[in-house]
Amino acid sequence: MTEAAIPEPTPEQAQLFARVRRMMLIAGATTGIAVAAVLFAVGYRLFKSEGSVTTAASDVTAALPKGTKIVSTAVAGDRLVVTLDIGGATEIRTFDAKTLKPAGKLKFVSEP
């Protein structure tokens, strides 16, 4: 058996091969840097996130006006929403779900 001889590339072909190798190295390095950046961002988010599992429990007492009825409660995102009936007027109070500090109050009244 005789092996087919591979001819030596011409100078133009050698230059083209070198250019393709260089472009492949640049593409590989760019891909490696992008993957490393994504992994860094994911790791940073994991280790710097506020651990909701290990938050300390706290007791909070909210004073409501006399005769107030709690109509409903709900959680919306990072807020606790409480709907109140205060003497016929509806009021919505929101609290931060993590700290239980008041975040806002919305009152509904009838027009005269």
N, C-alpha and C. Protein backbone atom coordinates (compact mmCIF):
# COMPACT_ATOMS: atom_id res chain seq x y z
N MET A 1 0.84 -1.17 0.00
CA MET A 1 0.00 0.00 0.00
C MET A 1 0.88 1.24 0.00
N THR A 2 0.49 2.10 -0.82
CA THR A 2 1.20 3.36 -0.86
C THR A 2 0.28 4.44 -0.32
N GLU A 3 0.85 5.30 0.47
CA GLU A 3 0.06 6.39 1.02
C GLU A 3 0.08 7.56 0.07
N ALA A 4 -1.06 8.22 -0.04
CA ALA A 4 -1.14 9.39 -0.91
C ALA A 4 -0.36 10.52 -0.27
N ALA A 5 0.47 11.11 -0.99
CA ALA A 5 1.28 12.21 -0.47
C ALA A 5 0.43 13.47 -0.43
N ILE A 6 0.48 14.14 0.70
CA ILE A 6 -0.26 15.38 0.86
C ILE A 6 0.67 16.50 0.43
N PRO A 7 0.24 17.25 -0.56
CA PRO A 7 1.14 18.31 -1.04
C PRO A 7 1.24 19.43 -0.01
N GLU A 8 2.35 20.07 0.01
CA GLU A 8 2.57 21.21 0.89
C GLU A 8 1.65 22.36 0.46
N PRO A 9 1.05 23.07 1.44
CA PRO A 9 0.18 24.17 1.03
C PRO A 9 0.98 25.31 0.42
N THR A 10 0.33 26.00 -0.44
CA THR A 10 0.98 27.15 -1.06
C THR A 10 1.07 28.27 -0.03
N PRO A 11 1.87 29.26 -0.24
CA PRO A 11 1.97 30.37 0.73
C PRO A 11 0.62 31.05 0.98
N GLU A 12 -0.23 31.16 -0.04
CA GLU A 12 -1.55 31.77 0.15
C GLU A 12 -2.41 30.88 1.04
N GLN A 13 -2.34 29.55 0.83
CA GLN A 13 -3.11 28.62 1.65
C GLN A 13 -2.62 28.64 3.10
N ALA A 14 -1.30 28.68 3.28
CA ALA A 14 -0.74 28.72 4.63
C ALA A 14 -1.18 29.99 5.35
N GLN A 15 -1.23 31.09 4.63
CA GLN A 15 -1.68 32.35 5.22
C GLN A 15 -3.17 32.26 5.59
N LEU A 16 -3.97 31.63 4.74
CA LEU A 16 -5.39 31.46 5.03
C LEU A 16 -5.59 30.55 6.24
N PHE A 17 -4.84 29.46 6.35
CA PHE A 17 -4.93 28.57 7.50
C PHE A 17 -4.57 29.31 8.79
N ALA A 18 -3.54 30.13 8.75
CA ALA A 18 -3.14 30.89 9.94
C ALA A 18 -4.22 31.88 10.34
N ARG A 19 -4.85 32.50 9.34
CA ARG A 19 -5.92 33.46 9.63
C ARG A 19 -7.12 32.75 10.26
N VAL A 20 -7.50 31.58 9.74
CA VAL A 20 -8.62 30.81 10.29
C VAL A 20 -8.30 30.37 11.72
N ARG A 21 -7.06 29.91 11.97
CA ARG A 21 -6.67 29.52 13.34
C ARG A 21 -6.79 30.70 14.30
N ARG A 22 -6.32 31.86 13.86
CA ARG A 22 -6.37 33.05 14.70
C ARG A 22 -7.82 33.43 15.01
N MET A 23 -8.71 33.37 14.01
CA MET A 23 -10.11 33.69 14.24
C MET A 23 -10.77 32.68 15.18
N MET A 24 -10.41 31.41 15.06
CA MET A 24 -10.96 30.38 15.95
C MET A 24 -10.47 30.60 17.38
N LEU A 25 -9.23 31.01 17.57
CA LEU A 25 -8.72 31.31 18.91
C LEU A 25 -9.46 32.49 19.52
N ILE A 26 -9.71 33.52 18.72
CA ILE A 26 -10.45 34.69 19.22
C ILE A 26 -11.87 34.29 19.59
N ALA A 27 -12.53 33.49 18.74
CA ALA A 27 -13.89 33.06 19.04
C ALA A 27 -13.93 32.18 20.29
N GLY A 28 -12.98 31.29 20.44
CA GLY A 28 -12.93 30.43 21.62
C GLY A 28 -12.69 31.24 22.89
N ALA A 29 -11.78 32.21 22.82
CA ALA A 29 -11.50 33.04 24.00
C ALA A 29 -12.73 33.88 24.37
N THR A 30 -13.41 34.43 23.37
CA THR A 30 -14.61 35.21 23.63
C THR A 30 -15.70 34.36 24.28
N THR A 31 -15.88 33.15 23.78
CA THR A 31 -16.87 32.24 24.36
C THR A 31 -16.50 31.88 25.80
N GLY A 32 -15.23 31.61 26.04
CA GLY A 32 -14.78 31.29 27.40
C GLY A 32 -15.01 32.44 28.37
N ILE A 33 -14.72 33.66 27.92
CA ILE A 33 -14.95 34.83 28.78
C ILE A 33 -16.44 35.02 29.06
N ALA A 34 -17.30 34.80 28.05
CA ALA A 34 -18.73 34.95 28.24
C ALA A 34 -19.27 33.91 29.23
N VAL A 35 -18.82 32.67 29.10
CA VAL A 35 -19.27 31.62 30.02
C VAL A 35 -18.79 31.93 31.44
N ALA A 36 -17.57 32.39 31.58
CA ALA A 36 -17.04 32.74 32.90
C ALA A 36 -17.84 33.89 33.51
N ALA A 37 -18.23 34.88 32.70
CA ALA A 37 -19.01 36.01 33.21
C ALA A 37 -20.38 35.55 33.70
N VAL A 38 -21.02 34.65 32.96
CA VAL A 38 -22.33 34.15 33.37
C VAL A 38 -22.21 33.35 34.67
N LEU A 39 -21.21 32.49 34.77
CA LEU A 39 -21.00 31.72 35.99
C LEU A 39 -20.69 32.62 37.18
N PHE A 40 -19.92 33.68 36.95
CA PHE A 40 -19.63 34.63 38.02
C PHE A 40 -20.90 35.33 38.48
N ALA A 41 -21.74 35.75 37.54
CA ALA A 41 -22.99 36.44 37.90
C ALA A 41 -23.91 35.52 38.68
N VAL A 42 -24.02 34.27 38.27
CA VAL A 42 -24.88 33.32 38.99
C VAL A 42 -24.34 33.07 40.39
N GLY A 43 -23.03 32.87 40.50
CA GLY A 43 -22.43 32.66 41.81
C GLY A 43 -22.59 33.86 42.72
N TYR A 44 -22.43 35.05 42.17
CA TYR A 44 -22.59 36.26 42.97
C TYR A 44 -24.01 36.37 43.49
N ARG A 45 -24.99 36.10 42.62
CA ARG A 45 -26.39 36.16 43.04
C ARG A 45 -26.70 35.14 44.12
N LEU A 46 -26.12 33.95 44.02
CA LEU A 46 -26.38 32.91 45.01
C LEU A 46 -25.81 33.26 46.38
N PHE A 47 -24.60 33.79 46.41
CA PHE A 47 -23.95 34.05 47.68
C PHE A 47 -24.28 35.42 48.28
N LYS A 48 -24.76 36.34 47.49
CA LYS A 48 -25.09 37.67 48.00
C LYS A 48 -26.58 37.88 48.17
N SER A 49 -27.41 36.87 47.89
CA SER A 49 -28.85 37.03 48.03
C SER A 49 -29.23 37.06 49.50
N GLU A 50 -30.29 37.76 49.80
CA GLU A 50 -30.78 37.81 51.17
C GLU A 50 -31.52 36.52 51.42
N GLY A 51 -30.98 35.68 52.28
CA GLY A 51 -31.56 34.37 52.53
C GLY A 51 -32.92 34.46 53.19
N SER A 52 -33.97 34.23 52.44
CA SER A 52 -35.31 34.32 53.00
C SER A 52 -35.60 33.12 53.90
N VAL A 53 -34.84 32.05 53.76
CA VAL A 53 -35.06 30.87 54.57
C VAL A 53 -34.58 31.10 56.00
N THR A 54 -33.51 31.85 56.16
CA THR A 54 -32.91 32.03 57.48
C THR A 54 -33.24 33.37 58.12
N THR A 55 -34.33 34.03 57.67
CA THR A 55 -34.67 35.30 58.29
C THR A 55 -35.24 35.08 59.69
N ALA A 56 -34.94 35.99 60.55
CA ALA A 56 -35.40 35.88 61.93
C ALA A 56 -36.87 36.27 62.02
N ALA A 57 -37.61 35.52 62.79
CA ALA A 57 -39.03 35.82 62.98
C ALA A 57 -39.17 37.02 63.91
N SER A 58 -40.16 37.84 63.64
CA SER A 58 -40.39 39.00 64.50
C SER A 58 -41.89 39.11 64.77
N ASP A 59 -42.22 39.63 65.93
CA ASP A 59 -43.61 39.84 66.30
C ASP A 59 -43.94 41.31 66.14
N VAL A 60 -45.01 41.58 65.41
CA VAL A 60 -45.44 42.95 65.16
C VAL A 60 -46.91 43.05 65.53
N THR A 61 -47.26 44.13 66.24
CA THR A 61 -48.66 44.39 66.58
C THR A 61 -49.08 45.67 65.89
N ALA A 62 -50.10 45.57 65.06
CA ALA A 62 -50.62 46.74 64.36
C ALA A 62 -51.91 47.17 65.04
N ALA A 63 -51.96 48.42 65.44
CA ALA A 63 -53.16 48.95 66.09
C ALA A 63 -54.15 49.39 65.01
N LEU A 64 -55.37 48.89 65.12
CA LEU A 64 -56.43 49.24 64.18
C LEU A 64 -57.49 50.06 64.91
N PRO A 65 -58.17 50.95 64.20
CA PRO A 65 -59.24 51.72 64.83
C PRO A 65 -60.35 50.81 65.33
N LYS A 66 -61.07 51.28 66.33
CA LYS A 66 -62.15 50.50 66.94
C LYS A 66 -63.23 50.20 65.89
N GLY A 67 -63.71 48.97 65.87
CA GLY A 67 -64.75 48.56 64.93
C GLY A 67 -64.23 48.17 63.55
N THR A 68 -62.94 48.06 63.41
CA THR A 68 -62.35 47.69 62.12
C THR A 68 -62.43 46.18 61.92
N LYS A 69 -62.77 45.79 60.70
CA LYS A 69 -62.80 44.37 60.35
C LYS A 69 -61.79 44.12 59.25
N ILE A 70 -61.03 43.03 59.38
CA ILE A 70 -60.11 42.63 58.33
C ILE A 70 -60.91 41.84 57.30
N VAL A 71 -60.96 42.36 56.07
CA VAL A 71 -61.74 41.74 55.01
C VAL A 71 -60.93 40.63 54.34
N SER A 72 -59.67 40.92 54.00
CA SER A 72 -58.83 39.92 53.35
C SER A 72 -57.36 40.26 53.52
N THR A 73 -56.54 39.25 53.32
CA THR A 73 -55.09 39.44 53.32
C THR A 73 -54.54 38.72 52.09
N ALA A 74 -53.42 39.21 51.58
CA ALA A 74 -52.79 38.59 50.41
C ALA A 74 -51.32 38.96 50.39
N VAL A 75 -50.57 38.20 49.64
CA VAL A 75 -49.16 38.49 49.42
C VAL A 75 -48.99 38.82 47.95
N ALA A 76 -48.38 39.97 47.66
CA ALA A 76 -48.15 40.40 46.29
C ALA A 76 -46.67 40.76 46.16
N GLY A 77 -45.90 39.86 45.56
CA GLY A 77 -44.47 40.09 45.43
C GLY A 77 -43.81 40.08 46.79
N ASP A 78 -43.17 41.18 47.16
CA ASP A 78 -42.53 41.28 48.48
C ASP A 78 -43.36 42.15 49.42
N ARG A 79 -44.65 42.22 49.18
CA ARG A 79 -45.56 43.02 50.02
C ARG A 79 -46.66 42.14 50.59
N LEU A 80 -47.08 42.48 51.81
CA LEU A 80 -48.23 41.88 52.46
C LEU A 80 -49.35 42.90 52.36
N VAL A 81 -50.49 42.51 51.81
CA VAL A 81 -51.61 43.42 51.57
C VAL A 81 -52.76 43.02 52.49
N VAL A 82 -53.26 43.99 53.25
CA VAL A 82 -54.37 43.76 54.17
C VAL A 82 -55.50 44.72 53.78
N THR A 83 -56.68 44.16 53.52
CA THR A 83 -57.85 44.97 53.19
C THR A 83 -58.71 45.10 54.44
N LEU A 84 -59.05 46.34 54.82
CA LEU A 84 -59.78 46.61 56.06
C LEU A 84 -61.12 47.27 55.74
N ASP A 85 -62.11 47.03 56.59
CA ASP A 85 -63.39 47.72 56.53
C ASP A 85 -63.49 48.55 57.81
N ILE A 86 -63.34 49.87 57.65
CA ILE A 86 -63.35 50.77 58.80
C ILE A 86 -64.63 51.59 58.75
N GLY A 87 -65.62 51.15 59.49
CA GLY A 87 -66.89 51.88 59.57
C GLY A 87 -67.54 52.09 58.21
N GLY A 88 -67.50 51.14 57.32
CA GLY A 88 -68.12 51.26 56.01
C GLY A 88 -67.18 51.74 54.92
N ALA A 89 -66.03 52.26 55.27
CA ALA A 89 -65.04 52.70 54.28
C ALA A 89 -63.98 51.61 54.13
N THR A 90 -63.55 51.38 52.92
CA THR A 90 -62.55 50.36 52.64
C THR A 90 -61.17 50.99 52.62
N GLU A 91 -60.21 50.32 53.22
CA GLU A 91 -58.82 50.79 53.26
C GLU A 91 -57.90 49.61 53.00
N ILE A 92 -56.86 49.84 52.21
CA ILE A 92 -55.86 48.80 51.93
C ILE A 92 -54.54 49.27 52.51
N ARG A 93 -53.95 48.44 53.34
CA ARG A 93 -52.64 48.73 53.93
C ARG A 93 -51.64 47.70 53.44
N THR A 94 -50.46 48.17 53.07
CA THR A 94 -49.41 47.27 52.60
C THR A 94 -48.23 47.32 53.55
N PHE A 95 -47.59 46.17 53.70
CA PHE A 95 -46.43 46.03 54.58
C PHE A 95 -45.33 45.30 53.82
N ASP A 96 -44.09 45.61 54.14
CA ASP A 96 -42.96 44.88 53.57
C ASP A 96 -42.98 43.47 54.16
N ALA A 97 -42.96 42.46 53.32
CA ALA A 97 -43.10 41.08 53.78
C ALA A 97 -41.91 40.61 54.62
N LYS A 98 -40.74 41.17 54.41
CA LYS A 98 -39.56 40.72 55.16
C LYS A 98 -39.43 41.40 56.51
N THR A 99 -39.71 42.70 56.54
CA THR A 99 -39.52 43.44 57.79
C THR A 99 -40.84 43.74 58.51
N LEU A 100 -41.95 43.57 57.83
CA LEU A 100 -43.29 43.87 58.34
C LEU A 100 -43.49 45.34 58.69
N LYS A 101 -42.70 46.21 58.10
CA LYS A 101 -42.87 47.65 58.29
C LYS A 101 -43.94 48.15 57.32
N PRO A 102 -44.75 49.12 57.75
CA PRO A 102 -45.79 49.65 56.84
C PRO A 102 -45.15 50.25 55.59
N ALA A 103 -45.75 49.93 54.44
CA ALA A 103 -45.23 50.44 53.17
C ALA A 103 -46.17 51.43 52.52
N GLY A 104 -47.46 51.37 52.86
CA GLY A 104 -48.39 52.31 52.24
C GLY A 104 -49.80 52.09 52.71
N LYS A 105 -50.64 53.08 52.41
CA LYS A 105 -52.04 53.03 52.85
C LYS A 105 -52.87 53.64 51.72
N LEU A 106 -53.96 52.97 51.36
CA LEU A 106 -54.85 53.44 50.32
C LEU A 106 -56.27 53.44 50.87
N LYS A 107 -56.92 54.62 50.88
CA LYS A 107 -58.27 54.75 51.43
C LYS A 107 -59.26 54.95 50.30
N PHE A 108 -60.43 54.34 50.41
CA PHE A 108 -61.51 54.49 49.46
C PHE A 108 -62.69 55.13 50.19
N VAL A 109 -63.18 56.23 49.65
CA VAL A 109 -64.35 56.89 50.23
C VAL A 109 -65.36 57.14 49.11
N SER A 110 -66.61 57.26 49.50
CA SER A 110 -67.68 57.54 48.53
C SER A 110 -67.72 59.03 48.25
N GLU A 111 -67.99 59.38 47.00
CA GLU A 111 -68.13 60.79 46.63
C GLU A 111 -69.45 61.32 47.14
N PRO A 112 -69.47 62.58 47.55
CA PRO A 112 -70.74 63.16 48.05
C PRO A 112 -71.75 63.38 46.96
